[in-house]
Amino acid sequence: MGVEQLLLVGLVMALGLVGVLVPGVPGRWLVWAAMLWWALHELSALAWTLLVAATALLLVDQVVVWLLPSRRIRGTGISPRVAACAGLGAVAGFIVLPVAGAIPGFIGGIYATERHRLGGHGPAMASTRAVMRGAGTSLLVELFACLLVVGAWLGAVIWG
């Protein structure tokens, strides 16, 4: 697989990560489709193993998201800015502290946005809890699974 195709697969995965944060966009399936595309062109044992693992992880993720309370984004006050900051925080946390850093990064992104908007610690904490109860948990679960798939793919491309 050439550099151009690898960049295109990476771009589709990045769009999938953004799609997780945008209601109505099938972010997890964009990530999976990019992984499938890569595996079909790579044709190695590592590629097929990652595709099977990604498929299993994203299917389990789908079930977990269904079992969580429904995503009520409109009623919780989640603005596109909050979702974007939460997503950026999760990605930054995932990079700084691989895998586990996505969770505090996601919550920290929500808190920082709400602290800036509301001006104090108490109201920001209350708003962060409300966002996480309303839709943040399902968003975090879906984003975390997609970050794991993208991270595994990136590791395979760099070190595999």
Protein backbone atom coordinates (compact mmCIF):
# COMPACT_ATOMS: atom_id res chain seq x y z
CA MET A 1 0.00 0.00 0.00
CA GLY A 2 1.42 3.35 -1.01
CA VAL A 3 1.79 6.46 1.09
CA GLU A 4 -1.13 8.14 -0.69
CA GLN A 5 -3.48 5.28 0.17
CA LEU A 6 -2.25 5.16 3.76
CA LEU A 7 -2.93 8.89 4.08
CA LEU A 8 -6.40 8.38 2.62
CA VAL A 9 -7.13 5.55 5.08
CA GLY A 10 -5.91 7.80 7.90
CA LEU A 11 -8.12 10.63 6.66
CA VAL A 12 -11.19 8.38 6.59
CA MET A 13 -10.37 7.22 10.13
CA ALA A 14 -10.01 10.82 11.27
CA LEU A 15 -13.37 11.64 9.68
CA GLY A 16 -14.80 8.66 11.54
CA LEU A 17 -13.48 10.01 14.84
CA VAL A 18 -15.08 13.37 14.11
CA GLY A 19 -18.23 11.55 13.02
CA VAL A 20 -18.55 9.97 16.45
CA LEU A 21 -19.05 13.45 17.89
CA VAL A 22 -21.54 14.57 15.23
CA PRO A 23 -25.06 13.17 15.63
CA GLY A 24 -26.26 11.25 12.61
CA VAL A 25 -22.82 10.51 11.18
CA PRO A 26 -21.78 6.83 11.33
CA GLY A 27 -18.33 7.47 12.79
CA ARG A 28 -17.65 3.96 14.04
CA TRP A 29 -18.51 2.49 10.66
CA LEU A 30 -16.24 4.92 8.84
CA VAL A 31 -13.39 3.79 11.09
CA TRP A 32 -14.25 0.14 10.43
CA ALA A 33 -14.55 0.68 6.66
CA ALA A 34 -11.12 2.32 6.59
CA MET A 35 -9.69 -0.63 8.53
CA LEU A 36 -11.34 -3.03 6.05
CA TRP A 37 -9.93 -1.09 3.10
CA TRP A 38 -6.44 -1.21 4.62
CA ALA A 39 -6.65 -4.94 5.40
CA LEU A 40 -7.89 -5.78 1.90
CA HIS A 41 -4.92 -3.96 0.38
CA GLU A 42 -2.31 -4.99 2.94
CA LEU A 43 -3.06 -8.75 2.84
CA SER A 44 -0.93 -9.66 5.86
CA ALA A 45 -1.68 -11.68 8.96
CA LEU A 46 -1.36 -8.56 11.09
CA ALA A 47 -3.85 -6.66 8.94
CA TRP A 48 -6.41 -9.46 9.10
CA THR A 49 -5.92 -9.88 12.85
CA LEU A 50 -6.49 -6.17 13.38
CA LEU A 51 -9.58 -6.24 11.16
CA VAL A 52 -11.09 -9.12 13.14
CA ALA A 53 -10.23 -7.45 16.46
CA ALA A 54 -11.64 -4.11 15.27
CA THR A 55 -14.83 -5.79 14.09
CA ALA A 56 -15.30 -7.55 17.42
CA LEU A 57 -14.52 -4.40 19.42
CA LEU A 58 -16.87 -2.20 17.41
CA LEU A 59 -19.68 -4.76 17.63
CA VAL A 60 -19.26 -4.98 21.41
CA ASP A 61 -19.15 -1.18 21.47
CA GLN A 62 -22.43 -1.05 19.55
CA VAL A 63 -24.08 -3.33 22.12
CA VAL A 64 -22.71 -1.33 25.06
CA VAL A 65 -23.94 1.94 23.56
CA TRP A 66 -27.39 0.38 23.07
CA LEU A 67 -27.43 -0.69 26.73
CA LEU A 68 -26.51 2.79 27.98
CA PRO A 69 -29.17 5.47 28.29
CA SER A 70 -30.08 6.98 24.95
CA ARG A 71 -28.19 9.95 23.58
CA ARG A 72 -30.26 12.97 24.50
CA ILE A 73 -27.97 15.63 23.13
CA ARG A 74 -30.53 18.39 22.73
CA GLY A 75 -31.74 18.27 26.34
CA THR A 76 -28.31 18.31 27.97
CA GLY A 77 -26.92 21.49 26.54
CA ILE A 78 -24.19 19.80 24.55
CA SER A 79 -23.17 22.33 21.96
CA PRO A 80 -20.95 21.55 19.02
CA ARG A 81 -18.19 23.42 20.84
CA VAL A 82 -18.49 21.17 23.91
CA ALA A 83 -18.44 18.05 21.73
CA ALA A 84 -15.41 19.31 19.81
CA CYS A 85 -13.47 20.18 22.97
CA ALA A 86 -14.37 16.83 24.53
CA GLY A 87 -13.18 15.04 21.40
CA LEU A 88 -9.95 17.02 21.25
CA GLY A 89 -9.38 16.36 24.94
CA ALA A 90 -9.90 12.63 24.40
CA VAL A 91 -7.48 12.54 21.48
CA ALA A 92 -4.89 14.57 23.40
CA GLY A 93 -5.29 12.35 26.45
CA PHE A 94 -5.00 9.24 24.27
CA ILE A 95 -1.70 10.55 22.90
CA VAL A 96 -0.25 11.78 26.21
CA LEU A 97 -1.25 8.72 28.24
CA PRO A 98 -1.95 5.97 25.69
CA VAL A 99 -5.36 4.32 25.91
CA ALA A 100 -6.31 5.33 29.47
CA GLY A 101 -5.77 9.05 28.88
CA ALA A 102 -8.78 9.31 26.58
CA ILE A 103 -11.25 9.14 29.46
CA PRO A 104 -9.89 11.99 31.61
CA GLY A 105 -9.13 13.95 28.44
CA PHE A 106 -12.76 13.68 27.30
CA ILE A 107 -14.15 14.73 30.67
CA GLY A 108 -11.50 17.45 31.01
CA GLY A 109 -12.46 18.86 27.62
CA ILE A 110 -16.08 19.14 28.72
CA TYR A 111 -15.07 20.68 32.05
CA ALA A 112 -12.72 23.23 30.46
CA THR A 113 -15.37 24.36 28.00
CA GLU A 114 -18.02 24.64 30.71
CA ARG A 115 -15.63 26.41 33.08
CA HIS A 116 -14.88 28.98 30.40
CA ARG A 117 -18.58 29.39 29.57
CA LEU A 118 -19.93 29.49 33.15
CA GLY A 119 -16.96 31.11 34.88
CA GLY A 120 -16.69 28.99 38.01
CA HIS A 121 -15.77 25.57 39.30
CA GLY A 122 -19.10 24.66 40.91
CA PRO A 123 -21.35 25.40 37.94
CA ALA A 124 -18.82 23.81 35.56
CA MET A 125 -18.76 20.58 37.59
CA ALA A 126 -22.56 20.45 37.71
CA SER A 127 -22.77 21.03 33.96
CA THR A 128 -20.08 18.41 33.27
CA ARG A 129 -22.00 15.85 35.34
CA ALA A 130 -25.22 16.68 33.48
CA VAL A 131 -23.52 16.33 30.10
CA MET A 132 -21.95 13.01 31.04
CA ARG A 133 -25.26 11.68 32.35
CA GLY A 134 -27.19 12.84 29.31
CA ALA A 135 -25.08 11.77 26.37
CA GLY A 136 -21.44 11.99 27.34
CA THR A 137 -21.07 8.42 28.51
CA SER A 138 -22.29 6.89 25.26
CA LEU A 139 -20.19 9.35 23.27
CA LEU A 140 -17.14 8.48 25.38
CA VAL A 141 -17.64 4.72 24.95
CA GLU A 142 -17.99 5.04 21.19
CA LEU A 143 -15.07 7.45 20.84
CA PHE A 144 -12.85 5.29 23.06
CA ALA A 145 -13.51 2.18 20.94
CA CYS A 146 -12.77 4.10 17.74
CA LEU A 147 -9.59 5.55 19.26
CA LEU A 148 -8.44 2.01 20.14
CA VAL A 149 -9.00 0.88 16.54
CA VAL A 150 -7.23 3.91 15.09
CA GLY A 151 -4.38 3.56 17.57
CA ALA A 152 -3.93 -0.13 16.71
CA TRP A 153 -3.93 0.69 12.99
CA LEU A 154 -1.43 3.49 13.46
CA GLY A 155 0.82 1.21 15.51
CA ALA A 156 0.64 -1.47 12.82
CA VAL A 157 1.49 1.02 10.09
CA ILE A 158 4.41 2.53 11.99
CA TRP A 159 5.89 -0.55 13.66
CA GLY A 160 4.32 -3.43 11.74
